[in-house]
Amino acid sequence: MKVATGLVIIAGVAVVGMGFAPSNIDPARKFGWCENIGWSNWRHDAPNPDDGVVVAPTHLAGMLWAENVGWINLGDGGPYENNPLDSSTFGVNVDPASGDLFGKAWGENIGWINFDTRATQGPHDQHARLDFCDNRLRGYAWGENIGWINLDHAVHFVGLGPDCQAGDVSCDGVIALSDYARFQSAVAGPDVATDCPIFDFDGDLDVDLADFGSFQTAFTGD
């Protein structure tokens, strides 16, 4: 596999060169599984406490650690172009409307990992995505040299938190317009059971105008 030299350099220095906010991955929900490389750790406390992946409303950033293959770089602060002619633009994005992940990560020992799996896994509802309603990643990403990375396990998955406040779909401590766009799609009215508990402010198992009032009160803006 041919890889641009500049990309190898970027990936190699990223662990010490990136200045990210503390990871918002839940320390109790920080592992993804790949049958060919084992566990990947998305919040690893290296080289500093709380280091790891940051999930933002439009992108992922930071490094995850896989014991058997080393560091995997998800990007240094997107959104990312993923321009095939410029290897420095790689990274994993989040579709702000659907939560679908797209773009590429890089592992120096394993090559590219593609998070845009909508074409192959979308029909089975197993494409890589950020589940806004449950504050976790779902689906599968694909590495040409390692196979599928499973983000969809019922017990061992990559989640956000642990203290995501109601209405904060990316668990970044801010309730903003990006959260409001998703709130709109979750409103179904009183006594209509919700499958999006992050917006059920009053805990009555629906998302209605009462929850909208609480959302307005909590709204902080971008």
C-alpha atoms as a PDB file:
ATOM      1  CA  MET A   1       0.000   0.000   0.000  1.00  0.00           C
ATOM      2  CA  LYS A   2       1.438   3.393  -1.008  1.00  0.00           C
ATOM      3  CA  VAL A   3       1.145   6.163   1.537  1.00  0.00           C
ATOM      4  CA  ALA A   4       2.249   9.777   1.304  1.00  0.00           C
ATOM      5  CA  THR A   5       5.388  10.400   3.336  1.00  0.00           C
ATOM      6  CA  GLY A   6       3.918  13.527   4.895  1.00  0.00           C
ATOM      7  CA  LEU A   7       1.056  11.539   6.352  1.00  0.00           C
ATOM      8  CA  VAL A   8       3.405   9.138   8.111  1.00  0.00           C
ATOM      9  CA  ILE A   9       5.192  12.074   9.687  1.00  0.00           C
ATOM     10  CA  ILE A  10       1.929  13.663  10.798  1.00  0.00           C
ATOM     11  CA  ALA A  11       0.634  10.451  12.316  1.00  0.00           C
ATOM     12  CA  GLY A  12       3.911   9.741  14.044  1.00  0.00           C
ATOM     13  CA  VAL A  13       4.143  13.060  15.887  1.00  0.00           C
ATOM     14  CA  ALA A  14       0.451  13.476  16.618  1.00  0.00           C
ATOM     15  CA  VAL A  15       0.569  11.925  20.087  1.00  0.00           C
ATOM     16  CA  VAL A  16       2.882  14.582  21.424  1.00  0.00           C
ATOM     17  CA  GLY A  17       1.980  17.420  19.075  1.00  0.00           C
ATOM     18  CA  MET A  18      -1.782  17.720  19.361  1.00  0.00           C
ATOM     19  CA  GLY A  19      -3.320  19.988  21.972  1.00  0.00           C
ATOM     20  CA  PHE A  20      -6.840  18.678  22.454  1.00  0.00           C
ATOM     21  CA  ALA A  21      -9.460  19.300  25.076  1.00  0.00           C
ATOM     22  CA  PRO A  22      -9.850  16.419  27.533  1.00  0.00           C
ATOM     23  CA  SER A  23     -11.514  13.400  25.972  1.00  0.00           C
ATOM     24  CA  ASN A  24     -15.293  13.218  26.355  1.00  0.00           C
ATOM     25  CA  ILE A  25     -15.294   9.435  25.985  1.00  0.00           C
ATOM     26  CA  ASP A  26     -16.802   7.696  29.001  1.00  0.00           C
ATOM     27  CA  PRO A  27     -13.978   5.977  30.956  1.00  0.00           C
ATOM     28  CA  ALA A  28     -16.339   3.037  31.533  1.00  0.00           C
ATOM     29  CA  ARG A  29     -17.275   2.822  27.822  1.00  0.00           C
ATOM     30  CA  LYS A  30     -14.029   3.331  25.956  1.00  0.00           C
ATOM     31  CA  PHE A  31     -13.267   0.136  24.001  1.00  0.00           C
ATOM     32  CA  GLY A  32     -13.951  -0.890  20.416  1.00  0.00           C
ATOM     33  CA  TRP A  33     -13.308  -4.396  19.082  1.00  0.00           C
ATOM     34  CA  CYS A  34     -11.692  -5.645  15.907  1.00  0.00           C
ATOM     35  CA  GLU A  35     -11.377  -9.379  15.433  1.00  0.00           C
ATOM     36  CA  ASN A  36      -7.986  -9.055  13.741  1.00  0.00           C
ATOM     37  CA  ILE A  37      -6.296  -6.569  16.093  1.00  0.00           C
ATOM     38  CA  GLY A  38      -8.185  -6.889  19.374  1.00  0.00           C
ATOM     39  CA  TRP A  39      -9.324  -3.986  21.550  1.00  0.00           C
ATOM     40  CA  SER A  40      -8.870  -0.313  20.763  1.00  0.00           C
ATOM     41  CA  ASN A  41      -8.865   2.154  23.655  1.00  0.00           C
ATOM     42  CA  TRP A  42     -10.503   5.512  22.921  1.00  0.00           C
ATOM     43  CA  ARG A  43      -9.632   7.120  26.280  1.00  0.00           C
ATOM     44  CA  HIS A  44      -6.180   5.996  27.288  1.00  0.00           C
ATOM     45  CA  ASP A  45      -4.663   8.679  29.587  1.00  0.00           C
ATOM     46  CA  ALA A  46      -1.431   8.808  27.562  1.00  0.00           C
ATOM     47  CA  PRO A  47       0.666  10.819  27.596  1.00  0.00           C
ATOM     48  CA  ASN A  48      -1.590  12.908  29.869  1.00  0.00           C
ATOM     49  CA  PRO A  49      -4.604  12.131  32.077  1.00  0.00           C
ATOM     50  CA  ASP A  50      -7.907  12.257  30.171  1.00  0.00           C
ATOM     51  CA  ASP A  51      -6.178  12.027  26.775  1.00  0.00           C
ATOM     52  CA  GLY A  52      -7.992  10.228  24.011  1.00  0.00           C
ATOM     53  CA  VAL A  53     -10.657  10.906  21.412  1.00  0.00           C
ATOM     54  CA  VAL A  54     -12.795  14.045  21.447  1.00  0.00           C
ATOM     55  CA  VAL A  55     -16.258  13.816  19.858  1.00  0.00           C
ATOM     56  CA  ALA A  56     -17.400  17.209  18.547  1.00  0.00           C
ATOM     57  CA  PRO A  57     -20.705  18.029  16.798  1.00  0.00           C
ATOM     58  CA  THR A  58     -19.081  17.888  13.327  1.00  0.00           C
ATOM     59  CA  HIS A  59     -15.996  15.684  13.712  1.00  0.00           C
ATOM     60  CA  LEU A  60     -13.833  13.392  15.813  1.00  0.00           C
ATOM     61  CA  ALA A  61     -10.320  14.321  16.903  1.00  0.00           C
ATOM     62  CA  GLY A  62      -7.406  12.702  18.685  1.00  0.00           C
ATOM     63  CA  MET A  63      -5.766   9.329  18.991  1.00  0.00           C
ATOM     64  CA  LEU A  64      -6.963   5.901  20.014  1.00  0.00           C
ATOM     65  CA  TRP A  65      -4.615   3.152  21.145  1.00  0.00           C
ATOM     66  CA  ALA A  66      -4.670  -0.465  19.995  1.00  0.00           C
ATOM     67  CA  GLU A  67      -2.340  -2.705  21.979  1.00  0.00           C
ATOM     68  CA  ASN A  68      -1.467  -4.878  19.001  1.00  0.00           C
ATOM     69  CA  VAL A  69      -1.022  -2.202  16.298  1.00  0.00           C
ATOM     70  CA  GLY A  70      -0.259   1.069  18.064  1.00  0.00           C
ATOM     71  CA  TRP A  71      -1.724   4.549  17.611  1.00  0.00           C
ATOM     72  CA  ILE A  72      -4.627   5.349  15.286  1.00  0.00           C
ATOM     73  CA  ASN A  73      -5.144   9.005  14.405  1.00  0.00           C
ATOM     74  CA  LEU A  74      -8.728  10.213  13.862  1.00  0.00           C
ATOM     75  CA  GLY A  75      -7.709  13.779  12.929  1.00  0.00           C
ATOM     76  CA  ASP A  76      -6.452  16.933  14.577  1.00  0.00           C
ATOM     77  CA  GLY A  77      -9.587  19.121  14.615  1.00  0.00           C
ATOM     78  CA  GLY A  78     -12.054  19.065  11.728  1.00  0.00           C
ATOM     79  CA  PRO A  79     -14.194  19.118   9.742  1.00  0.00           C
ATOM     80  CA  TYR A  80     -11.791  17.382   7.366  1.00  0.00           C
ATOM     81  CA  GLU A  81     -11.548  17.475   3.586  1.00  0.00           C
ATOM     82  CA  ASN A  82     -10.053  13.990   3.124  1.00  0.00           C
ATOM     83  CA  ASN A  83      -8.519  15.220  -0.097  1.00  0.00           C
ATOM     84  CA  PRO A  84      -6.816  12.241  -1.785  1.00  0.00           C
ATOM     85  CA  LEU A  85      -4.208  14.619  -3.237  1.00  0.00           C
ATOM     86  CA  ASP A  86      -3.327  16.082   0.171  1.00  0.00           C
ATOM     87  CA  SER A  87      -2.750  13.490   2.859  1.00  0.00           C
ATOM     88  CA  SER A  88      -2.676  16.118   5.620  1.00  0.00           C
ATOM     89  CA  THR A  89      -6.443  16.688   5.318  1.00  0.00           C
ATOM     90  CA  PHE A  90      -7.536  13.267   6.594  1.00  0.00           C
ATOM     91  CA  GLY A  91      -9.871  12.769   9.550  1.00  0.00           C
ATOM     92  CA  VAL A  92     -13.279  11.478  10.636  1.00  0.00           C
ATOM     93  CA  ASN A  93     -16.302  13.760  10.293  1.00  0.00           C
ATOM     94  CA  VAL A  94     -19.789  13.635  11.803  1.00  0.00           C
ATOM     95  CA  ASP A  95     -22.796  14.440   9.610  1.00  0.00           C
ATOM     96  CA  PRO A  96     -24.552  17.068  11.769  1.00  0.00           C
ATOM     97  CA  ALA A  97     -27.990  16.017  10.572  1.00  0.00           C
ATOM     98  CA  SER A  98     -27.844  12.226  10.698  1.00  0.00           C
ATOM     99  CA  GLY A  99     -24.851  11.494  12.921  1.00  0.00           C
ATOM    100  CA  ASP A 100     -23.311   9.322  10.197  1.00  0.00           C
ATOM    101  CA  LEU A 101     -19.506   9.165  10.326  1.00  0.00           C
ATOM    102  CA  PHE A 102     -17.429   9.653   7.190  1.00  0.00           C
ATOM    103  CA  GLY A 103     -13.809  10.252   6.321  1.00  0.00           C
ATOM    104  CA  LYS A 104     -10.682   8.306   7.220  1.00  0.00           C
ATOM    105  CA  ALA A 105      -8.407   7.584  10.156  1.00  0.00           C
ATOM    106  CA  TRP A 106      -4.766   6.576   9.860  1.00  0.00           C
ATOM    107  CA  GLY A 107      -2.674   3.980  11.662  1.00  0.00           C
ATOM    108  CA  GLU A 108       1.013   3.928  10.836  1.00  0.00           C
ATOM    109  CA  ASN A 109       1.115   0.144  11.194  1.00  0.00           C
ATOM    110  CA  ILE A 110      -2.231  -0.665   9.547  1.00  0.00           C
ATOM    111  CA  GLY A 111      -2.949   2.075   7.008  1.00  0.00           C
ATOM    112  CA  TRP A 112      -6.309   3.712   6.326  1.00  0.00           C
ATOM    113  CA  ILE A 113      -9.518   3.062   8.229  1.00  0.00           C
ATOM    114  CA  ASN A 114     -12.690   4.151   6.426  1.00  0.00           C
ATOM    115  CA  PHE A 115     -15.578   5.377   8.582  1.00  0.00           C
ATOM    116  CA  ASP A 116     -17.893   6.025   5.629  1.00  0.00           C
ATOM    117  CA  THR A 117     -19.595   2.634   5.556  1.00  0.00           C
ATOM    118  CA  ARG A 118     -23.078   3.817   4.597  1.00  0.00           C
ATOM    119  CA  ALA A 119     -23.001   2.125   1.189  1.00  0.00           C
ATOM    120  CA  THR A 120     -22.210  -1.343   2.522  1.00  0.00           C
ATOM    121  CA  GLN A 121     -23.635  -1.303   6.045  1.00  0.00           C
ATOM    122  CA  GLY A 122     -26.370   1.337   5.807  1.00  0.00           C
ATOM    123  CA  PRO A 123     -28.997  -1.084   4.451  1.00  0.00           C
ATOM    124  CA  HIS A 124     -28.437  -3.180   7.584  1.00  0.00           C
ATOM    125  CA  ASP A 125     -28.417  -0.146   9.913  1.00  0.00           C
ATOM    126  CA  GLN A 126     -24.839  -1.019  10.881  1.00  0.00           C
ATOM    127  CA  HIS A 127     -22.901   1.867   9.341  1.00  0.00           C
ATOM    128  CA  ALA A 128     -20.526   3.877  11.528  1.00  0.00           C
ATOM    129  CA  ARG A 129     -22.392   6.711  13.244  1.00  0.00           C
ATOM    130  CA  LEU A 130     -22.823   8.802  16.351  1.00  0.00           C
ATOM    131  CA  ASP A 131     -26.081   7.861  18.052  1.00  0.00           C
ATOM    132  CA  PHE A 132     -27.314  11.243  19.276  1.00  0.00           C
ATOM    133  CA  CYS A 133     -30.074   9.762  21.393  1.00  0.00           C
ATOM    134  CA  ASP A 134     -27.920   7.350  23.397  1.00  0.00           C
ATOM    135  CA  ASN A 135     -24.621   9.305  23.431  1.00  0.00           C
ATOM    136  CA  ARG A 136     -22.554   6.502  21.868  1.00  0.00           C
ATOM    137  CA  LEU A 137     -20.943   5.316  18.652  1.00  0.00           C
ATOM    138  CA  ARG A 138     -22.569   2.551  16.631  1.00  0.00           C
ATOM    139  CA  GLY A 139     -21.912   0.490  13.544  1.00  0.00           C
ATOM    140  CA  TYR A 140     -18.716  -0.661  11.847  1.00  0.00           C
ATOM    141  CA  ALA A 141     -15.670   1.027  10.343  1.00  0.00           C
ATOM    142  CA  TRP A 142     -13.511  -0.739   7.768  1.00  0.00           C
ATOM    143  CA  GLY A 143      -9.736  -1.129   7.556  1.00  0.00           C
ATOM    144  CA  GLU A 144      -8.416  -2.624   4.336  1.00  0.00           C
ATOM    145  CA  ASN A 145      -5.642  -4.388   6.234  1.00  0.00           C
ATOM    146  CA  ILE A 146      -7.504  -5.290   9.439  1.00  0.00           C
ATOM    147  CA  GLY A 147     -11.168  -5.795   8.554  1.00  0.00           C
ATOM    148  CA  TRP A 148     -14.147  -4.510  10.510  1.00  0.00           C
ATOM    149  CA  ILE A 149     -13.922  -2.433  13.687  1.00  0.00           C
ATOM    150  CA  ASN A 150     -17.045  -3.077  15.744  1.00  0.00           C
ATOM    151  CA  LEU A 151     -18.570  -0.043  17.466  1.00  0.00           C
ATOM    152  CA  ASP A 152     -21.949  -1.697  17.845  1.00  0.00           C
ATOM    153  CA  HIS A 153     -21.497  -4.232  20.646  1.00  0.00           C
ATOM    154  CA  ALA A 154     -24.269  -4.125  23.234  1.00  0.00           C
ATOM    155  CA  VAL A 155     -21.866  -4.193  26.207  1.00  0.00           C
ATOM    156  CA  HIS A 156     -18.400  -3.156  25.024  1.00  0.00           C
ATOM    157  CA  PHE A 157     -18.876   0.022  23.006  1.00  0.00           C
ATOM    158  CA  VAL A 158     -17.522   3.568  22.742  1.00  0.00           C
ATOM    159  CA  GLY A 159     -19.794   5.905  24.676  1.00  0.00           C
ATOM    160  CA  LEU A 160     -19.746   9.553  25.679  1.00  0.00           C
ATOM    161  CA  GLY A 161     -19.874  10.782  29.223  1.00  0.00           C
ATOM    162  CA  PRO A 162     -20.209   9.826  31.902  1.00  0.00           C
ATOM    163  CA  ASP A 163     -22.116  13.022  32.761  1.00  0.00           C
ATOM    164  CA  CYS A 164     -23.892  14.093  29.576  1.00  0.00           C
ATOM    165  CA  GLN A 165     -26.574  16.591  30.514  1.00  0.00           C
ATOM    166  CA  ALA A 166     -30.008  16.355  28.940  1.00  0.00           C
ATOM    167  CA  GLY A 167     -30.025  17.898  25.468  1.00  0.00           C
ATOM    168  CA  ASP A 168     -26.253  17.661  24.919  1.00  0.00           C
ATOM    169  CA  VAL A 169     -25.961  15.100  22.152  1.00  0.00           C
ATOM    170  CA  SER A 170     -22.170  15.288  21.749  1.00  0.00           C
ATOM    171  CA  CYS A 171     -21.516  15.574  25.490  1.00  0.00           C
ATOM    172  CA  ASP A 172     -19.335  18.652  24.971  1.00  0.00           C
ATOM    173  CA  GLY A 173     -20.842  20.676  27.807  1.00  0.00           C
ATOM    174  CA  VAL A 174     -22.634  23.052  25.425  1.00  0.00           C
ATOM    175  CA  ILE A 175     -26.268  22.990  24.325  1.00  0.00           C
ATOM    176  CA  ALA A 176     -26.251  24.815  21.023  1.00  0.00           C
ATOM    177  CA  LEU A 177     -27.957  25.077  17.629  1.00  0.00           C
ATOM    178  CA  SER A 178     -26.494  21.744  16.588  1.00  0.00           C
ATOM    179  CA  ASP A 179     -28.350  20.147  19.520  1.00  0.00           C
ATOM    180  CA  TYR A 180     -31.538  22.052  18.672  1.00  0.00           C
ATOM    181  CA  ALA A 181     -31.562  20.658  15.137  1.00  0.00           C
ATOM    182  CA  ARG A 182     -31.646  17.151  16.597  1.00  0.00           C
ATOM    183  CA  PHE A 183     -34.167  18.091  19.273  1.00  0.00           C
ATOM    184  CA  GLN A 184     -36.614  19.096  16.540  1.00  0.00           C
ATOM    185  CA  SER A 185     -36.490  15.639  15.002  1.00  0.00           C
ATOM    186  CA  ALA A 186     -37.135  14.001  18.393  1.00  0.00           C
ATOM    187  CA  VAL A 187     -40.278  15.979  19.352  1.00  0.00           C
ATOM    188  CA  ALA A 188     -43.326  13.737  19.013  1.00  0.00           C
ATOM    189  CA  GLY A 189     -45.783  15.189  21.551  1.00  0.00           C
ATOM    190  CA  PRO A 190     -47.165  14.156  24.927  1.00  0.00           C
ATOM    191  CA  ASP A 191     -47.682  10.470  25.693  1.00  0.00           C
ATOM    192  CA  VAL A 192     -45.806   9.364  22.574  1.00  0.00           C
ATOM    193  CA  ALA A 193     -43.035   7.058  23.773  1.00  0.00           C
ATOM    194  CA  THR A 194     -39.606   8.369  22.811  1.00  0.00           C
ATOM    195  CA  ASP A 195     -36.590   6.430  21.636  1.00  0.00           C
ATOM    196  CA  CYS A 196     -34.416   9.518  22.223  1.00  0.00           C
ATOM    197  CA  PRO A 197     -34.031   9.814  25.999  1.00  0.00           C
ATOM    198  CA  ILE A 198     -31.364  12.530  25.804  1.00  0.00           C
ATOM    199  CA  PHE A 199     -34.173  15.039  25.125  1.00  0.00           C
ATOM    200  CA  ASP A 200     -36.588  13.764  27.767  1.00  0.00           C
ATOM    201  CA  PHE A 201     -35.793  16.465  30.324  1.00  0.00           C
ATOM    202  CA  ASP A 202     -38.623  15.629  32.730  1.00  0.00           C
ATOM    203  CA  GLY A 203     -38.243  11.859  32.556  1.00  0.00           C
ATOM    204  CA  ASP A 204     -41.847  11.117  31.529  1.00  0.00           C
ATOM    205  CA  LEU A 205     -40.749   8.964  28.556  1.00  0.00           C
ATOM    206  CA  ASP A 206     -41.860  11.405  25.864  1.00  0.00           C
ATOM    207  CA  VAL A 207     -40.434  14.513  24.187  1.00  0.00           C
ATOM    208  CA  ASP A 208     -42.975  17.337  24.071  1.00  0.00           C
ATOM    209  CA  LEU A 209     -43.418  21.085  24.670  1.00  0.00           C
ATOM    210  CA  ALA A 210     -42.573  20.712  28.347  1.00  0.00           C
ATOM    211  CA  ASP A 211     -39.182  19.365  27.317  1.00  0.00           C
ATOM    212  CA  PHE A 212     -38.823  22.204  24.824  1.00  0.00           C
ATOM    213  CA  GLY A 213     -39.204  24.689  27.658  1.00  0.00           C
ATOM    214  CA  SER A 214     -36.452  22.946  29.582  1.00  0.00           C
ATOM    215  CA  PHE A 215     -34.296  22.875  26.453  1.00  0.00           C
ATOM    216  CA  GLN A 216     -34.716  26.643  26.049  1.00  0.00           C
ATOM    217  CA  THR A 217     -33.659  27.185  29.650  1.00  0.00           C
ATOM    218  CA  ALA A 218     -30.562  25.006  29.212  1.00  0.00           C
ATOM    219  CA  PHE A 219     -29.608  26.496  25.827  1.00  0.00           C
ATOM    220  CA  THR A 220     -26.200  28.166  25.947  1.00  0.00           C
ATOM    221  CA  GLY A 221     -25.466  28.822  22.275  1.00  0.00           C
ATOM    222  CA  ASP A 222     -22.384  27.901  20.261  1.00  0.00           C
END
